[in-house]
N, C-alpha and C. Protein backbone atom coordinates (compact mmCIF):
# COMPACT_ATOMS: atom_id res chain seq x y z
N UNK A 1 91.07 115.62 99.36
CA UNK A 1 91.36 116.34 98.13
C UNK A 1 91.10 115.40 96.97
N UNK A 2 90.37 115.85 96.01
CA UNK A 2 90.11 115.08 94.79
C UNK A 2 90.67 115.87 93.64
N UNK A 3 91.67 115.32 92.98
CA UNK A 3 92.26 116.07 91.89
C UNK A 3 93.27 115.26 91.11
N UNK A 4 93.94 115.91 90.23
CA UNK A 4 94.93 115.28 89.36
C UNK A 4 96.33 115.70 89.78
N UNK A 5 97.31 114.90 89.37
CA UNK A 5 98.71 115.27 89.58
C UNK A 5 99.26 115.94 88.33
N UNK A 6 98.56 115.77 87.22
CA UNK A 6 98.96 116.35 85.94
C UNK A 6 97.71 116.98 85.32
N UNK A 7 97.91 118.11 84.65
CA UNK A 7 96.80 118.79 83.98
C UNK A 7 97.17 119.07 82.54
N UNK A 8 96.17 119.34 81.72
CA UNK A 8 96.43 119.83 80.36
C UNK A 8 96.33 121.34 80.40
N UNK A 9 97.37 122.02 79.95
CA UNK A 9 97.33 123.48 79.95
C UNK A 9 96.58 123.99 78.72
N UNK A 10 96.55 125.28 78.54
CA UNK A 10 95.79 125.88 77.43
C UNK A 10 96.33 125.48 76.06
N UNK A 11 97.59 125.04 76.01
CA UNK A 11 98.19 124.58 74.75
C UNK A 11 98.08 123.07 74.57
N UNK A 12 97.24 122.45 75.40
CA UNK A 12 97.06 120.99 75.39
C UNK A 12 98.37 120.25 75.64
N UNK A 13 99.21 120.84 76.50
CA UNK A 13 100.45 120.20 76.90
C UNK A 13 100.28 119.70 78.33
N UNK A 14 100.94 118.57 78.64
CA UNK A 14 100.87 118.02 79.97
C UNK A 14 101.68 118.90 80.92
N UNK A 15 101.08 119.23 82.04
CA UNK A 15 101.75 120.08 83.02
C UNK A 15 101.57 119.45 84.40
N UNK A 16 102.69 119.10 85.02
CA UNK A 16 102.65 118.49 86.35
C UNK A 16 102.31 119.55 87.39
N UNK A 17 101.44 119.18 88.31
CA UNK A 17 101.17 120.05 89.44
C UNK A 17 102.47 120.12 90.24
N UNK A 18 102.93 121.31 90.58
CA UNK A 18 104.22 121.42 91.27
C UNK A 18 104.28 120.60 92.56
N UNK A 19 105.42 119.99 92.78
CA UNK A 19 105.63 119.18 93.98
C UNK A 19 105.35 120.00 95.24
N UNK A 20 105.70 121.27 95.21
CA UNK A 20 105.48 122.14 96.36
C UNK A 20 103.99 122.22 96.74
N UNK A 21 103.13 122.09 95.75
CA UNK A 21 101.69 122.09 96.03
C UNK A 21 101.33 120.91 96.93
N UNK A 22 101.83 119.74 96.59
CA UNK A 22 101.54 118.54 97.39
C UNK A 22 102.18 118.64 98.77
N UNK A 23 103.38 119.20 98.83
CA UNK A 23 104.05 119.38 100.13
C UNK A 23 103.22 120.30 101.02
N UNK A 24 102.73 121.40 100.45
CA UNK A 24 101.98 122.37 101.26
C UNK A 24 100.64 121.81 101.73
N UNK A 25 100.10 120.87 100.99
CA UNK A 25 98.82 120.26 101.37
C UNK A 25 98.98 119.23 102.49
N UNK A 26 100.21 118.79 102.70
CA UNK A 26 100.52 117.80 103.75
C UNK A 26 99.64 116.57 103.62
N UNK A 27 99.55 116.05 102.40
CA UNK A 27 98.73 114.87 102.17
C UNK A 27 99.37 113.64 102.84
N UNK A 28 98.53 112.71 103.27
CA UNK A 28 98.99 111.52 103.97
C UNK A 28 99.17 110.33 103.04
N UNK A 29 98.45 110.34 101.94
CA UNK A 29 98.55 109.25 100.97
C UNK A 29 97.93 109.74 99.66
N UNK A 30 98.15 108.96 98.62
CA UNK A 30 97.54 109.25 97.32
C UNK A 30 96.70 108.03 96.95
N UNK A 31 95.46 108.28 96.58
CA UNK A 31 94.59 107.23 96.05
C UNK A 31 94.36 107.58 94.59
N UNK A 32 94.86 106.76 93.70
CA UNK A 32 94.77 107.03 92.27
C UNK A 32 93.77 106.06 91.64
N UNK A 33 92.81 106.60 90.94
CA UNK A 33 91.80 105.80 90.24
C UNK A 33 92.13 105.87 88.75
N UNK A 34 92.27 104.69 88.13
CA UNK A 34 92.59 104.64 86.70
C UNK A 34 91.52 103.82 85.98
N UNK A 35 91.53 103.89 84.67
CA UNK A 35 90.54 103.14 83.89
C UNK A 35 91.05 102.93 82.48
N UNK A 36 90.30 102.19 81.72
CA UNK A 36 90.63 101.99 80.31
C UNK A 36 90.42 103.33 79.60
N UNK A 37 91.38 103.72 78.76
CA UNK A 37 91.29 105.03 78.10
C UNK A 37 89.97 105.27 77.38
N UNK A 38 89.44 104.28 76.69
CA UNK A 38 88.18 104.50 75.96
C UNK A 38 87.03 104.80 76.90
N UNK A 39 87.02 104.18 78.06
CA UNK A 39 85.96 104.46 79.03
C UNK A 39 86.08 105.89 79.54
N UNK A 40 87.31 106.36 79.72
CA UNK A 40 87.52 107.74 80.16
C UNK A 40 87.05 108.70 79.07
N UNK A 41 87.40 108.40 77.82
CA UNK A 41 86.95 109.23 76.68
C UNK A 41 85.42 109.32 76.68
N UNK A 42 84.76 108.18 76.85
CA UNK A 42 83.30 108.16 76.86
C UNK A 42 82.72 109.00 77.99
N UNK A 43 83.30 108.88 79.20
CA UNK A 43 82.80 109.66 80.35
C UNK A 43 83.01 111.16 80.14
N UNK A 44 84.17 111.52 79.59
CA UNK A 44 84.44 112.94 79.34
C UNK A 44 83.46 113.51 78.32
N UNK A 45 83.09 112.72 77.33
CA UNK A 45 82.12 113.18 76.34
C UNK A 45 80.76 113.41 77.00
N UNK A 46 80.35 112.44 77.84
CA UNK A 46 79.06 112.57 78.52
C UNK A 46 79.06 113.74 79.50
N UNK A 47 80.18 113.94 80.20
CA UNK A 47 80.26 114.99 81.20
C UNK A 47 80.42 116.38 80.60
N UNK A 48 81.33 116.51 79.63
CA UNK A 48 81.71 117.83 79.11
C UNK A 48 81.26 118.07 77.67
N UNK A 49 80.72 117.04 77.04
CA UNK A 49 80.40 117.11 75.62
C UNK A 49 81.64 117.44 74.79
N UNK A 50 82.81 116.96 75.29
CA UNK A 50 84.08 117.19 74.62
C UNK A 50 84.60 115.88 74.05
N UNK A 51 85.23 115.97 72.90
CA UNK A 51 85.77 114.78 72.24
C UNK A 51 87.28 114.75 72.47
N UNK A 52 87.74 113.67 73.09
CA UNK A 52 89.16 113.47 73.35
C UNK A 52 89.64 112.26 72.58
N UNK A 53 90.89 112.29 72.22
CA UNK A 53 91.53 111.18 71.51
C UNK A 53 91.94 110.13 72.53
N UNK A 54 91.63 108.87 72.26
CA UNK A 54 91.96 107.78 73.17
C UNK A 54 93.47 107.70 73.43
N UNK A 55 94.27 107.94 72.41
CA UNK A 55 95.73 107.90 72.56
C UNK A 55 96.18 109.00 73.52
N UNK A 56 95.60 110.18 73.41
CA UNK A 56 95.94 111.29 74.30
C UNK A 56 95.60 110.94 75.74
N UNK A 57 94.43 110.38 75.96
CA UNK A 57 94.00 110.01 77.31
C UNK A 57 94.91 108.92 77.86
N UNK A 58 95.28 107.96 77.03
CA UNK A 58 96.18 106.88 77.47
C UNK A 58 97.52 107.46 77.91
N UNK A 59 98.07 108.35 77.09
CA UNK A 59 99.35 108.98 77.42
C UNK A 59 99.23 109.82 78.69
N UNK A 60 98.16 110.59 78.79
CA UNK A 60 97.91 111.41 79.97
C UNK A 60 97.87 110.55 81.23
N UNK A 61 97.14 109.45 81.16
CA UNK A 61 97.00 108.56 82.32
C UNK A 61 98.34 107.95 82.72
N UNK A 62 99.14 107.57 81.74
CA UNK A 62 100.47 107.01 82.04
C UNK A 62 101.36 108.04 82.71
N UNK A 63 101.32 109.27 82.23
CA UNK A 63 102.12 110.35 82.83
C UNK A 63 101.62 110.62 84.25
N UNK A 64 100.31 110.63 84.41
CA UNK A 64 99.74 110.89 85.73
C UNK A 64 100.14 109.80 86.73
N UNK A 65 100.07 108.56 86.32
CA UNK A 65 100.46 107.45 87.20
C UNK A 65 101.94 107.56 87.57
N UNK A 66 102.77 107.81 86.58
CA UNK A 66 104.21 107.94 86.82
C UNK A 66 104.51 109.08 87.79
N UNK A 67 103.87 110.21 87.60
CA UNK A 67 104.12 111.35 88.47
C UNK A 67 103.56 111.11 89.87
N UNK A 68 102.42 110.46 89.98
CA UNK A 68 101.87 110.13 91.30
C UNK A 68 102.84 109.23 92.05
N UNK A 69 103.46 108.27 91.34
CA UNK A 69 104.46 107.40 91.97
C UNK A 69 105.66 108.23 92.45
N UNK A 70 106.08 109.18 91.63
CA UNK A 70 107.21 110.04 91.99
C UNK A 70 106.88 110.90 93.21
N UNK A 71 105.71 111.51 93.22
CA UNK A 71 105.29 112.35 94.34
C UNK A 71 105.22 111.52 95.61
N UNK A 72 104.63 110.34 95.53
CA UNK A 72 104.52 109.47 96.71
C UNK A 72 105.91 109.09 97.24
N UNK A 73 106.82 108.80 96.33
CA UNK A 73 108.18 108.41 96.74
C UNK A 73 108.88 109.59 97.41
N UNK A 74 108.82 110.75 96.80
CA UNK A 74 109.50 111.93 97.35
C UNK A 74 108.91 112.33 98.70
N UNK A 75 107.59 112.29 98.82
CA UNK A 75 106.94 112.68 100.08
C UNK A 75 106.91 111.55 101.10
N UNK A 76 107.37 110.37 100.66
CA UNK A 76 107.40 109.18 101.53
C UNK A 76 106.01 108.87 102.09
N UNK A 77 105.05 108.82 101.16
CA UNK A 77 103.67 108.49 101.52
C UNK A 77 103.21 107.33 100.64
N UNK A 78 102.23 106.56 101.10
CA UNK A 78 101.75 105.45 100.28
C UNK A 78 100.92 105.92 99.09
N UNK A 79 100.98 105.11 98.04
CA UNK A 79 100.16 105.32 96.85
C UNK A 79 99.29 104.08 96.67
N UNK A 80 97.99 104.27 96.67
CA UNK A 80 97.04 103.19 96.44
C UNK A 80 96.42 103.41 95.07
N UNK A 81 96.47 102.38 94.23
CA UNK A 81 95.92 102.50 92.88
C UNK A 81 94.76 101.52 92.71
N UNK A 82 93.65 102.03 92.21
CA UNK A 82 92.46 101.21 92.00
C UNK A 82 91.90 101.47 90.61
N UNK A 83 91.44 100.40 90.00
CA UNK A 83 90.74 100.53 88.72
C UNK A 83 89.36 101.10 89.00
N UNK A 84 88.90 102.02 88.19
CA UNK A 84 87.57 102.58 88.35
C UNK A 84 86.56 101.44 88.42
N UNK A 85 85.65 101.56 89.35
CA UNK A 85 84.65 100.51 89.53
C UNK A 85 85.00 99.57 90.67
N UNK A 86 86.19 99.74 91.26
CA UNK A 86 86.57 98.94 92.42
C UNK A 86 85.53 99.15 93.50
N UNK A 87 85.23 98.11 94.19
CA UNK A 87 84.25 98.17 95.26
C UNK A 87 84.53 99.36 96.19
N UNK A 88 83.55 100.22 96.37
CA UNK A 88 83.73 101.41 97.19
C UNK A 88 84.17 101.08 98.61
N UNK A 89 83.75 99.95 99.14
CA UNK A 89 84.10 99.61 100.51
C UNK A 89 85.61 99.43 100.65
N UNK A 90 86.26 98.92 99.63
CA UNK A 90 87.71 98.74 99.68
C UNK A 90 88.40 100.10 99.77
N UNK A 91 87.97 101.03 98.95
CA UNK A 91 88.56 102.37 98.95
C UNK A 91 88.22 103.08 100.26
N UNK A 92 86.98 102.94 100.72
CA UNK A 92 86.59 103.56 101.98
C UNK A 92 87.41 103.01 103.14
N UNK A 93 87.77 101.74 103.09
CA UNK A 93 88.61 101.14 104.13
C UNK A 93 89.97 101.80 104.19
N UNK A 94 90.56 102.07 103.02
CA UNK A 94 91.86 102.75 102.97
C UNK A 94 91.73 104.16 103.54
N UNK A 95 90.68 104.86 103.15
CA UNK A 95 90.47 106.22 103.64
C UNK A 95 90.30 106.21 105.15
N UNK A 96 89.48 105.29 105.65
CA UNK A 96 89.24 105.21 107.09
C UNK A 96 90.54 104.92 107.83
N UNK A 97 91.33 104.00 107.31
CA UNK A 97 92.60 103.63 107.95
C UNK A 97 93.54 104.84 108.05
N UNK A 98 93.60 105.65 107.00
CA UNK A 98 94.56 106.75 106.96
C UNK A 98 94.05 108.03 107.58
N UNK A 99 92.76 108.17 107.72
CA UNK A 99 92.24 109.46 108.19
C UNK A 99 91.51 109.40 109.50
N UNK A 100 91.37 108.23 110.07
CA UNK A 100 90.75 108.11 111.38
C UNK A 100 91.80 108.02 112.48
N UNK A 101 92.91 108.69 112.26
CA UNK A 101 94.00 108.65 113.26
C UNK A 101 93.82 109.73 114.29
């Protein structure tokens, strides 16, 4: 599953994906990729041609990290955090370890 733990709703308010969603998915771990807010702003512009405020992205990312930590704690699953650009082999190793059971 590739997705977010927090989304922006139609009113541009932060909305946490309900915990029940993660429970029903029976996820084994969370791999969270983070980056410098300005780099995220730049990628979003290139991808969506949308302009986002760096402060908004920074706040969003902090909320997302905090909620991912909470979800991992409640579900008693590991949370792996990597900065964008981390060597793919490192992330693939984590995936292989958790999903080749």
